[in-house]
Amino acid sequence: MNTTTRMPLSFAIFPCLLLSMAAAAAAMDPAERETLFLVMDAVSSDRDWRSESPDPCSAPWPGLECKPAAPPGSSNAAAPLHVTRLDFGVEPNPSCKDTATFPPQVLTLPHLQSLFFVDCFKNLAATSTLVLPSSANLSYSSLQQLSIRANPSLSGVMPPQLARLKSLQVLTISQNGLIRGEIPQGIGELRSLVHLDLSYNSLSGPVPSQISGLRALVGLDLSYNALSGPIPGRIGELRQLQKLDLSSNNLTGAIPDTVANLTSLTFLALSNNGLTGRFPPGLSGLRNLQYLIMDNNPMGVPLPSELGGLARLQELRLAGSGYSGPIPEAFGQLVSLTTLSLQDNNLTGAIPAGLSRLHRMYHLNLSNNGLGGAVPFDGAFLRRLGRNLDLSGNSGLCLDDGNVVRGVGIGVGACRGGGGGGSLARDTVSSAAGRGVTKRFHLLGPVCVVVVSCILSLNEHA
């Protein structure tokens, strides 16, 4: 009797179907594959990409991601794989060869969502130019994140074609010292943009007012360029903005009043510019602000008391900006403050006693001003800050004897007589030294009289 069990035909065919579907899913569009190989040839020489990875998406290397893109109503299992992410320059991703050139065709990959060139173009003897395709199909790009960062040999102007990448959410072109030119006005058309970082380049010209079109923007960093002119008033239309960094440029004029509309701000940096004039009214309305960094601007105005209303402020840096008048008493209300830098200004008057009650403070620099009177900090405050406290260069300041802490130098001497009137211990020390010399002369006086008498007596006998 034949007991052989016959397998149904469907069971035999099913594995074949799975293999067929897997093969279909792994297949790449030939044109897309060729574009990828051209990109790899231009950037990296880690391997012979065509011979060693003939079908890249079926066995992707680090830095390459592929995903299926199925038409509506069809199964992903049968969809071809497309390149969705490319990452160059940082291990374990493909390294960049010394003769690497920026491949403009990379932006024609139709399904590419993320593209990174980090620490890639470094050979200053073989510079590469940042050029984007001029073809209209950039408007249909799927690119959401573009990061071109830390490439010292990458040159060229900021490409105006960036405005065609309508799906961009994160744009970082930073630390590429040879990237020059103006910020394209069309950049304001990137309505989906959430983060824009163009810092540490050689950009010039104005901050375009069209940037106000980026209504979804959360972070804007244009620092360390050569941008000039005023801060555009329309920047106040970026109501979602949490970080604004325009520091280390050549910006001039007053801070626009519309900055007070940026109520979501947590970080504001405008240092190392040529900004002048008063702070915008309503600045105390920035209730979420944690960092205000405005060192080295020729402001030349009194410090506004309104800053004392920023209860969440952790760092306030206003050094080297010609501020005059007293330190506002309201600064003693900044209960979250950890750092206060007011050095190298023209501040006068006494140090507000309220600063001594800021228990989170660990860095305080009031040096090189015209402050006077007794320092209102007790020994516990002085020990807590230690070397992070600098009051030097204020000739009128002194420290009550009871608050002097051995081994803690703050650039201020002790008050004479403990009265806090501004006379320093060095005057007392000088007076004490003088009294010591006088006392020594008093002790030597009788001896001198005896010696003189002996000499006169000897002369008489002679």
Protein backbone atom coordinates (compact mmCIF):
# COMPACT_ATOMS: atom_id res chain seq x y z
CA MET A 1 0.00 0.00 0.00
CA ASN A 2 1.37 3.33 -0.98
CA THR A 3 1.35 5.55 2.12
CA THR A 4 3.16 8.49 0.58
CA THR A 5 1.47 11.75 1.52
CA ARG A 6 1.03 14.12 -1.35
CA MET A 7 1.62 17.81 -0.65
CA PRO A 8 -1.09 20.04 -2.04
CA LEU A 9 0.08 22.08 -4.98
CA SER A 10 -0.72 25.32 -3.18
CA PHE A 11 1.83 24.52 -0.44
CA ALA A 12 4.49 23.94 -3.04
CA ILE A 13 3.75 27.16 -4.86
CA PHE A 14 3.50 29.41 -1.74
CA PRO A 15 7.26 29.60 -0.98
CA CYS A 16 7.91 30.42 -4.60
CA LEU A 17 5.43 33.25 -4.38
CA LEU A 18 7.18 34.59 -1.26
CA LEU A 19 10.54 34.50 -3.00
CA SER A 20 9.06 36.18 -6.03
CA MET A 21 7.48 38.90 -3.91
CA ALA A 22 10.74 39.45 -2.01
CA ALA A 23 12.62 39.74 -5.27
CA ALA A 24 10.06 42.20 -6.55
CA ALA A 25 10.32 44.25 -3.36
CA ALA A 26 14.12 44.30 -3.53
CA ALA A 27 14.29 45.47 -7.13
CA MET A 28 15.36 49.07 -7.74
CA ASP A 29 14.44 51.32 -10.58
CA PRO A 30 17.44 51.18 -12.96
CA ALA A 31 17.60 54.96 -13.38
CA GLU A 32 17.52 55.49 -9.61
CA ARG A 33 20.25 52.87 -9.13
CA GLU A 34 22.44 54.55 -11.73
CA THR A 35 22.00 57.94 -10.05
CA LEU A 36 23.01 56.41 -6.72
CA PHE A 37 26.18 54.94 -8.25
CA LEU A 38 27.09 58.33 -9.77
CA VAL A 39 26.70 59.91 -6.34
CA MET A 40 28.85 57.26 -4.68
CA ASP A 41 31.55 57.58 -7.34
CA ALA A 42 31.70 61.36 -6.83
CA VAL A 43 31.97 61.21 -3.05
CA SER A 44 33.46 57.96 -1.78
CA SER A 45 36.14 55.46 -2.79
CA ASP A 46 35.56 53.00 0.06
CA ARG A 47 34.75 50.26 -2.46
CA ASP A 48 33.84 49.55 -6.07
CA TRP A 49 30.18 50.27 -5.53
CA ARG A 50 28.89 48.93 -8.86
CA SER A 51 30.57 45.53 -8.67
CA GLU A 52 30.34 44.95 -4.92
CA SER A 53 26.79 46.27 -4.43
CA PRO A 54 25.01 45.75 -7.76
CA ASP A 55 21.57 46.03 -6.14
CA PRO A 56 22.17 48.44 -3.20
CA CYS A 57 18.71 48.40 -1.62
CA SER A 58 18.70 44.61 -1.31
CA ALA A 59 21.80 44.77 0.93
CA PRO A 60 22.17 48.41 2.03
CA TRP A 61 25.39 49.65 3.61
CA PRO A 62 25.54 51.95 6.69
CA GLY A 63 24.35 55.37 5.65
CA LEU A 64 21.95 54.03 3.03
CA GLU A 65 18.29 53.40 3.77
CA CYS A 66 15.68 52.15 1.35
CA LYS A 67 11.94 51.82 1.74
CA PRO A 68 9.14 50.59 -0.51
CA ALA A 69 6.89 53.19 -2.02
CA ALA A 70 3.68 51.49 -3.08
CA PRO A 71 1.05 53.21 -5.23
CA PRO A 72 -2.27 53.86 -3.45
CA GLY A 73 -4.32 50.68 -3.04
CA SER A 74 -1.42 48.28 -3.63
CA SER A 75 0.65 46.19 -1.22
CA ASN A 76 4.07 47.34 0.02
CA ALA A 77 5.24 43.74 -0.38
CA ALA A 78 5.23 44.10 -4.16
CA ALA A 79 6.53 47.67 -4.26
CA PRO A 80 10.05 48.48 -5.43
CA LEU A 81 12.55 49.83 -2.93
CA HIS A 82 13.68 53.43 -3.17
CA VAL A 83 16.57 55.34 -1.62
CA THR A 84 15.17 57.40 1.27
CA ARG A 85 18.33 58.33 3.22
CA LEU A 86 22.00 58.96 2.41
CA ASP A 87 24.62 59.79 5.02
CA PHE A 88 28.29 60.55 4.29
CA GLY A 89 31.40 61.43 6.26
CA VAL A 90 31.01 60.09 9.80
CA GLU A 91 31.63 56.45 10.67
CA PRO A 92 30.17 53.94 10.12
CA ASN A 93 28.84 55.78 7.06
CA PRO A 94 30.91 55.91 3.85
CA SER A 95 33.92 58.20 4.15
CA CYS A 96 34.62 60.95 1.64
CA LYS A 97 37.69 60.75 -0.57
CA ASP A 98 40.18 63.63 -0.82
CA THR A 99 38.90 64.51 -4.29
CA ALA A 100 35.22 64.31 -3.34
CA THR A 101 32.92 66.68 -5.19
CA PHE A 102 29.39 67.66 -4.29
CA PRO A 103 27.04 65.59 -6.50
CA PRO A 104 24.08 67.76 -7.57
CA GLN A 105 22.27 64.74 -9.03
CA VAL A 106 21.74 63.41 -5.51
CA LEU A 107 18.77 65.77 -5.20
CA THR A 108 17.09 64.17 -8.21
CA LEU A 109 16.56 60.91 -6.28
CA PRO A 110 12.75 61.15 -6.21
CA HIS A 111 12.11 59.46 -2.85
CA LEU A 112 15.09 60.79 -0.89
CA GLN A 113 13.93 62.17 2.48
CA SER A 114 17.19 62.72 4.42
CA LEU A 115 20.62 63.73 3.12
CA PHE A 116 23.74 64.34 5.23
CA PHE A 117 27.23 65.50 4.25
CA VAL A 118 29.09 65.94 7.56
CA ASP A 119 32.87 66.48 7.76
CA CYS A 120 33.06 65.32 4.16
CA PHE A 121 34.70 67.97 1.96
CA LYS A 122 37.93 68.77 3.83
CA ASN A 123 40.75 68.98 1.28
CA LEU A 124 41.47 72.70 0.82
CA ALA A 125 43.72 71.86 -2.13
CA ALA A 126 40.71 70.41 -3.99
CA THR A 127 37.69 72.55 -3.19
CA SER A 128 34.23 71.47 -4.26
CA THR A 129 31.36 73.75 -5.20
CA LEU A 130 27.88 73.52 -3.73
CA VAL A 131 25.60 73.43 -6.75
CA LEU A 132 22.00 72.23 -6.87
CA PRO A 133 20.15 71.04 -9.97
CA SER A 134 18.26 73.74 -11.83
CA SER A 135 15.63 71.33 -13.11
CA ALA A 136 12.00 72.00 -12.22
CA ASN A 137 11.58 68.54 -10.69
CA LEU A 138 13.13 69.85 -7.46
CA SER A 139 9.66 71.20 -6.70
CA TYR A 140 8.50 67.60 -6.40
CA SER A 141 11.37 66.55 -4.16
CA SER A 142 10.56 64.40 -1.13
CA LEU A 143 13.55 65.77 0.80
CA GLN A 144 12.64 66.64 4.40
CA GLN A 145 16.07 66.97 6.00
CA LEU A 146 19.23 68.40 4.40
CA SER A 147 22.40 68.74 6.46
CA ILE A 148 25.65 70.01 4.91
CA ARG A 149 27.87 70.67 7.91
CA ALA A 150 31.57 71.03 8.81
CA ASN A 151 32.95 70.99 5.26
CA PRO A 152 35.88 73.45 5.16
CA SER A 153 36.61 72.99 1.44
CA LEU A 154 33.03 73.34 0.21
CA SER A 155 32.64 76.65 -1.62
CA GLY A 156 30.06 78.56 -3.62
CA VAL A 157 27.06 80.73 -2.91
CA MET A 158 23.93 79.79 -1.02
CA PRO A 159 21.91 78.13 -3.82
CA PRO A 160 18.65 79.91 -4.69
CA GLN A 161 17.24 76.53 -5.76
CA LEU A 162 16.81 75.71 -2.07
CA ALA A 163 13.46 77.48 -2.31
CA ARG A 164 12.21 74.64 -4.53
CA LEU A 165 12.62 71.99 -1.85
CA LYS A 166 9.08 72.48 -0.60
CA SER A 167 9.03 69.45 1.70
CA LEU A 168 12.06 70.54 3.75
CA GLN A 169 11.55 70.56 7.50
CA VAL A 170 15.20 70.78 8.62
CA LEU A 171 17.83 72.74 6.67
CA THR A 172 21.38 72.88 8.04
CA ILE A 173 24.16 74.42 5.94
CA SER A 174 26.64 75.24 8.68
CA GLN A 175 30.38 75.44 9.37
CA ASN A 176 31.29 75.65 5.71
CA GLY A 177 33.61 78.66 5.79
CA LEU A 178 33.76 79.11 2.01
CA ILE A 179 29.99 79.32 1.49
CA ARG A 180 29.31 82.99 0.72
CA GLY A 181 26.73 85.28 -0.82
CA GLU A 182 23.35 86.38 0.46
CA ILE A 183 20.57 84.35 2.00
CA PRO A 184 18.13 83.70 -0.88
CA GLN A 185 14.89 85.64 -0.49
CA GLY A 186 12.97 82.62 -1.72
CA ILE A 187 13.89 80.73 1.41
CA GLY A 188 10.74 82.20 2.93
CA GLU A 189 8.72 79.89 0.66
CA LEU A 190 9.75 76.79 2.64
CA ARG A 191 6.49 76.72 4.59
CA SER A 192 7.19 73.36 6.25
CA LEU A 193 10.59 74.38 7.62
CA VAL A 194 10.96 73.86 11.38
CA HIS A 195 14.74 74.35 11.85
CA LEU A 196 17.02 76.63 9.79
CA ASP A 197 20.74 76.71 10.60
CA LEU A 198 23.05 78.71 8.31
CA SER A 199 25.64 79.49 10.99
CA TYR A 200 29.44 79.64 10.65
CA ASN A 201 29.61 80.43 6.95
CA SER A 202 30.70 83.59 5.11
CA LEU A 203 27.24 84.90 4.27
CA SER A 204 26.76 88.62 3.73
CA GLY A 205 23.97 91.06 2.99
CA PRO A 206 20.78 91.55 4.99
CA VAL A 207 18.60 89.15 6.90
CA PRO A 208 15.77 88.92 4.33
CA SER A 209 12.39 90.07 5.56
CA GLN A 210 10.86 87.21 3.55
CA ILE A 211 12.07 84.92 6.32
CA SER A 212 8.82 85.86 8.05
CA GLY A 213 7.10 83.37 5.74
CA LEU A 214 8.56 80.50 7.76
CA ARG A 215 5.59 80.39 10.12
CA ALA A 216 6.37 76.85 11.36
CA LEU A 217 9.95 77.76 12.29
CA VAL A 218 11.07 76.74 15.79
CA GLY A 219 14.84 77.30 15.51
CA LEU A 220 16.69 80.01 13.53
CA ASP A 221 20.50 80.22 13.69
CA LEU A 222 22.32 82.69 11.42
CA SER A 223 25.25 83.29 13.78
CA TYR A 224 28.92 83.73 12.82
CA ASN A 225 28.49 85.21 9.37
CA ALA A 226 28.93 88.73 7.99
CA LEU A 227 25.26 89.70 7.76
CA SER A 228 24.62 93.43 7.90
CA GLY A 229 21.82 95.96 8.23
CA PRO A 230 18.97 95.95 10.74
CA ILE A 231 17.11 93.00 12.18
CA PRO A 232 13.91 92.94 10.09
CA GLY A 233 10.80 93.92 12.01
CA ARG A 234 8.84 91.11 10.39
CA ILE A 235 10.87 88.60 12.36
CA GLY A 236 8.23 89.11 15.03
CA GLU A 237 5.80 87.14 12.85
CA LEU A 238 7.62 83.88 13.66
CA ARG A 239 5.34 83.13 16.60
CA GLN A 240 6.53 79.50 16.99
CA LEU A 241 10.18 80.48 17.31
CA GLN A 242 11.96 79.09 20.37
CA LYS A 243 15.60 79.75 19.43
CA LEU A 244 16.89 82.90 17.69
CA ASP A 245 20.66 83.28 17.26
CA LEU A 246 21.93 86.23 15.22
CA SER A 247 25.18 86.67 17.15
CA SER A 248 28.59 87.50 15.65
CA ASN A 249 27.45 89.38 12.56
CA ASN A 250 27.54 93.06 11.55
CA LEU A 251 23.92 93.88 12.36
CA THR A 252 23.11 97.48 13.27
CA GLY A 253 20.24 99.60 14.53
CA ALA A 254 17.82 98.95 17.35
CA ILE A 255 16.28 95.65 18.33
CA PRO A 256 12.84 95.77 16.68
CA ASP A 257 9.87 96.13 19.02
CA THR A 258 8.28 93.10 17.33
CA VAL A 259 10.76 90.79 19.08
CA ALA A 260 8.43 91.11 22.07
CA ASN A 261 5.87 89.11 20.04
CA LEU A 262 8.10 86.02 20.12
CA THR A 263 6.52 84.70 23.29
CA SER A 264 7.71 81.11 22.69
CA LEU A 265 11.39 82.12 22.77
CA THR A 266 13.62 80.25 25.19
CA PHE A 267 16.98 81.31 23.67
CA LEU A 268 17.88 84.76 22.29
CA ALA A 269 21.47 85.54 21.26
CA LEU A 270 22.39 88.87 19.62
CA SER A 271 25.96 89.30 20.90
CA ASN A 272 28.91 90.69 18.91
CA ASN A 273 27.00 93.00 16.59
CA GLY A 274 26.59 96.76 16.27
CA LEU A 275 23.15 97.02 17.87
CA THR A 276 22.30 100.29 19.62
CA GLY A 277 19.49 101.95 21.52
CA ARG A 278 16.92 100.80 23.99
CA PHE A 279 15.50 97.37 24.60
CA PRO A 280 12.07 96.84 23.02
CA PRO A 281 9.16 97.58 25.34
CA GLY A 282 7.24 94.50 26.35
CA LEU A 283 10.39 92.41 26.67
CA SER A 284 9.15 91.19 30.05
CA GLY A 285 6.39 89.39 28.14
CA LEU A 286 8.90 86.77 26.98
CA ARG A 287 7.93 84.55 29.89
CA ASN A 288 9.61 81.44 28.49
CA LEU A 289 13.01 83.05 27.91
CA GLN A 290 15.84 81.14 29.59
CA TYR A 291 18.94 82.54 27.84
CA LEU A 292 19.50 86.19 26.88
CA ILE A 293 22.97 86.68 25.42
CA MET A 294 23.76 90.19 24.17
CA ASP A 295 27.44 90.82 24.94
CA ASN A 296 29.47 93.34 22.98
CA ASN A 297 26.97 95.68 21.37
CA PRO A 298 27.31 99.49 21.68
CA MET A 299 23.91 99.81 23.36
CA GLY A 300 24.87 102.75 25.60
CA VAL A 301 21.61 102.84 27.60
CA PRO A 302 20.60 102.06 31.20
CA LEU A 303 19.69 98.47 31.99
CA PRO A 304 15.90 98.06 31.87
CA SER A 305 14.13 96.97 35.04
CA GLU A 306 11.73 94.94 32.87
CA LEU A 307 14.37 92.22 32.58
CA GLY A 308 13.65 91.41 36.21
CA GLY A 309 10.26 90.05 35.13
CA LEU A 310 11.82 87.15 33.20
CA ALA A 311 11.34 84.61 35.96
CA ARG A 312 12.65 81.64 33.93
CA LEU A 313 15.86 83.36 32.87
CA GLN A 314 18.92 81.22 33.60
CA GLU A 315 21.69 83.15 31.83
CA LEU A 316 21.87 86.91 31.33
CA ARG A 317 24.98 88.09 29.49
CA LEU A 318 25.22 91.81 28.78
CA ALA A 319 28.97 92.45 29.00
CA GLY A 320 30.91 95.07 27.07
CA SER A 321 27.94 97.07 25.81
CA GLY A 322 28.25 100.51 27.41
CA TYR A 323 25.34 100.13 29.81
CA SER A 324 25.17 102.97 32.31
CA GLY A 325 23.42 103.75 35.58
CA PRO A 326 22.68 101.30 38.39
CA ILE A 327 22.04 97.59 38.27
CA PRO A 328 18.23 97.40 38.60
CA GLU A 329 16.95 96.15 41.94
CA ALA A 330 14.52 94.01 39.92
CA PHE A 331 17.40 91.73 38.92
CA GLY A 332 17.09 90.31 42.42
CA GLN A 333 13.80 88.73 41.29
CA LEU A 334 15.49 86.48 38.71
CA VAL A 335 15.12 83.40 40.89
CA SER A 336 16.20 80.94 38.16
CA LEU A 337 19.37 82.84 37.28
CA THR A 338 22.62 80.85 37.25
CA THR A 339 24.85 83.26 35.30
CA LEU A 340 24.96 87.06 35.29
CA SER A 341 27.67 88.76 33.21
CA LEU A 342 27.71 92.58 33.33
CA GLN A 343 31.45 93.20 33.13
CA ASP A 344 33.11 95.95 31.08
CA ASN A 345 30.24 98.45 31.19
CA ASN A 346 29.74 101.86 32.82
CA LEU A 347 27.50 100.76 35.67
CA THR A 348 27.44 102.81 38.87
CA GLY A 349 25.90 102.67 42.33
CA ALA A 350 25.69 99.80 44.77
CA ILE A 351 25.28 96.11 44.04
CA PRO A 352 21.61 95.23 44.71
CA ALA A 353 21.27 93.20 47.90
CA GLY A 354 18.69 91.01 46.17
CA LEU A 355 21.42 89.33 44.12
CA SER A 356 22.62 87.63 47.31
CA ARG A 357 19.30 85.78 47.50
CA LEU A 358 19.64 84.16 44.08
CA HIS A 359 20.44 80.69 45.37
CA ARG A 360 20.95 79.13 41.92
CA MET A 361 23.62 81.63 40.94
CA TYR A 362 27.02 80.09 40.31
CA HIS A 363 28.66 82.65 37.99
CA LEU A 364 28.65 86.41 38.60
CA ASN A 365 30.92 88.88 36.83
CA LEU A 366 30.52 92.60 37.57
CA SER A 367 34.15 93.55 36.94
CA ASN A 368 35.39 96.77 35.32
CA ASN A 369 32.51 99.09 36.09
CA GLY A 370 32.09 102.04 38.45
CA LEU A 371 30.27 100.25 41.26
CA GLY A 372 30.72 101.34 44.87
CA GLY A 373 29.79 100.63 48.48
CA ALA A 374 29.90 97.48 50.54
CA VAL A 375 29.50 94.15 48.75
CA PRO A 376 26.19 92.65 49.98
CA PHE A 377 27.32 89.02 49.83
CA ASP A 378 27.91 86.92 52.94
CA GLY A 379 30.57 84.28 53.42
CA ALA A 380 28.32 81.43 52.27
CA PHE A 381 27.63 83.20 48.96
CA LEU A 382 31.33 83.92 48.44
CA ARG A 383 32.32 80.32 49.13
CA ARG A 384 29.62 78.95 46.81
CA LEU A 385 30.74 81.04 43.84
CA GLY A 386 34.46 80.98 44.62
CA ARG A 387 36.46 81.84 41.50
CA ASN A 388 33.24 82.28 39.53
CA LEU A 389 32.73 85.64 41.27
CA ASP A 390 34.63 88.62 39.86
CA LEU A 391 34.12 92.14 41.22
CA SER A 392 37.54 93.52 40.31
CA GLY A 393 38.01 96.85 38.58
CA ASN A 394 35.42 98.67 40.74
CA SER A 395 37.49 101.06 42.84
CA GLY A 396 34.58 102.02 45.11
CA LEU A 397 33.65 98.51 46.24
CA CYS A 398 34.71 97.01 49.55
CA LEU A 399 33.93 93.96 51.65
CA ASP A 400 32.86 94.12 55.30
CA ASP A 401 35.37 92.41 57.60
CA GLY A 402 32.81 89.84 58.72
CA ASN A 403 32.33 88.65 55.13
CA VAL A 404 35.99 88.21 54.21
CA VAL A 405 36.63 84.55 53.36
CA ARG A 406 40.20 83.30 53.49
CA GLY A 407 41.33 81.84 50.17
CA VAL A 408 38.48 83.39 48.17
CA GLY A 409 39.67 86.28 46.03
CA ILE A 410 37.03 88.43 44.36
CA GLY A 411 39.11 91.47 43.46
CA VAL A 412 37.80 93.61 46.33
CA GLY A 413 39.48 94.63 49.60
CA ALA A 414 37.99 94.92 53.08
CA CYS A 415 36.12 98.03 54.16
CA ARG A 416 37.97 100.31 56.62
CA GLY A 417 36.36 100.21 60.03
CA GLY A 418 33.68 97.81 58.77
CA GLY A 419 31.47 100.73 57.89
CA GLY A 420 31.03 99.88 54.24
CA GLY A 421 31.81 103.37 53.12
CA GLY A 422 34.00 102.32 50.25
CA SER A 423 37.43 102.85 51.82
CA LEU A 424 39.52 99.76 51.24
CA ALA A 425 41.84 97.82 53.49
CA ARG A 426 44.86 98.96 51.52
CA ASP A 427 44.35 102.46 52.99
CA THR A 428 44.23 100.93 56.45
CA VAL A 429 47.31 98.84 55.70
CA SER A 430 49.16 101.93 54.48
CA SER A 431 48.20 103.85 57.60
CA ALA A 432 49.28 100.96 59.81
CA ALA A 433 52.61 100.81 58.03
CA GLY A 434 53.08 104.53 58.58
CA ARG A 435 52.28 104.17 62.27
CA GLY A 436 54.80 101.33 62.50
CA VAL A 437 57.55 103.49 61.03
CA THR A 438 56.69 106.35 63.41
CA LYS A 439 56.74 103.96 66.36
CA ARG A 440 60.18 102.74 65.37
CA PHE A 441 61.40 106.33 65.22
CA HIS A 442 59.94 106.93 68.70
CA LEU A 443 61.82 103.93 70.07
CA LEU A 444 65.07 105.06 68.49
CA GLY A 445 64.71 108.64 69.79
CA PRO A 446 66.23 108.13 73.29
CA VAL A 447 69.10 106.10 71.87
CA CYS A 448 69.97 108.93 69.51
CA VAL A 449 69.97 111.44 72.39
CA VAL A 450 72.41 109.28 74.39
CA VAL A 451 74.75 108.88 71.42
CA VAL A 452 74.78 112.63 70.74
CA SER A 453 75.46 113.39 74.42
CA CYS A 454 78.45 111.00 74.44
CA ILE A 455 79.91 112.64 71.35
CA LEU A 456 79.59 116.13 72.87
CA SER A 457 81.21 114.94 76.12
CA LEU A 458 84.20 113.47 74.27
CA ASN A 459 84.68 116.74 72.39
CA GLU A 460 84.79 118.71 75.65
CA HIS A 461 87.54 116.45 77.13
CA ALA A 462 89.51 116.70 73.97
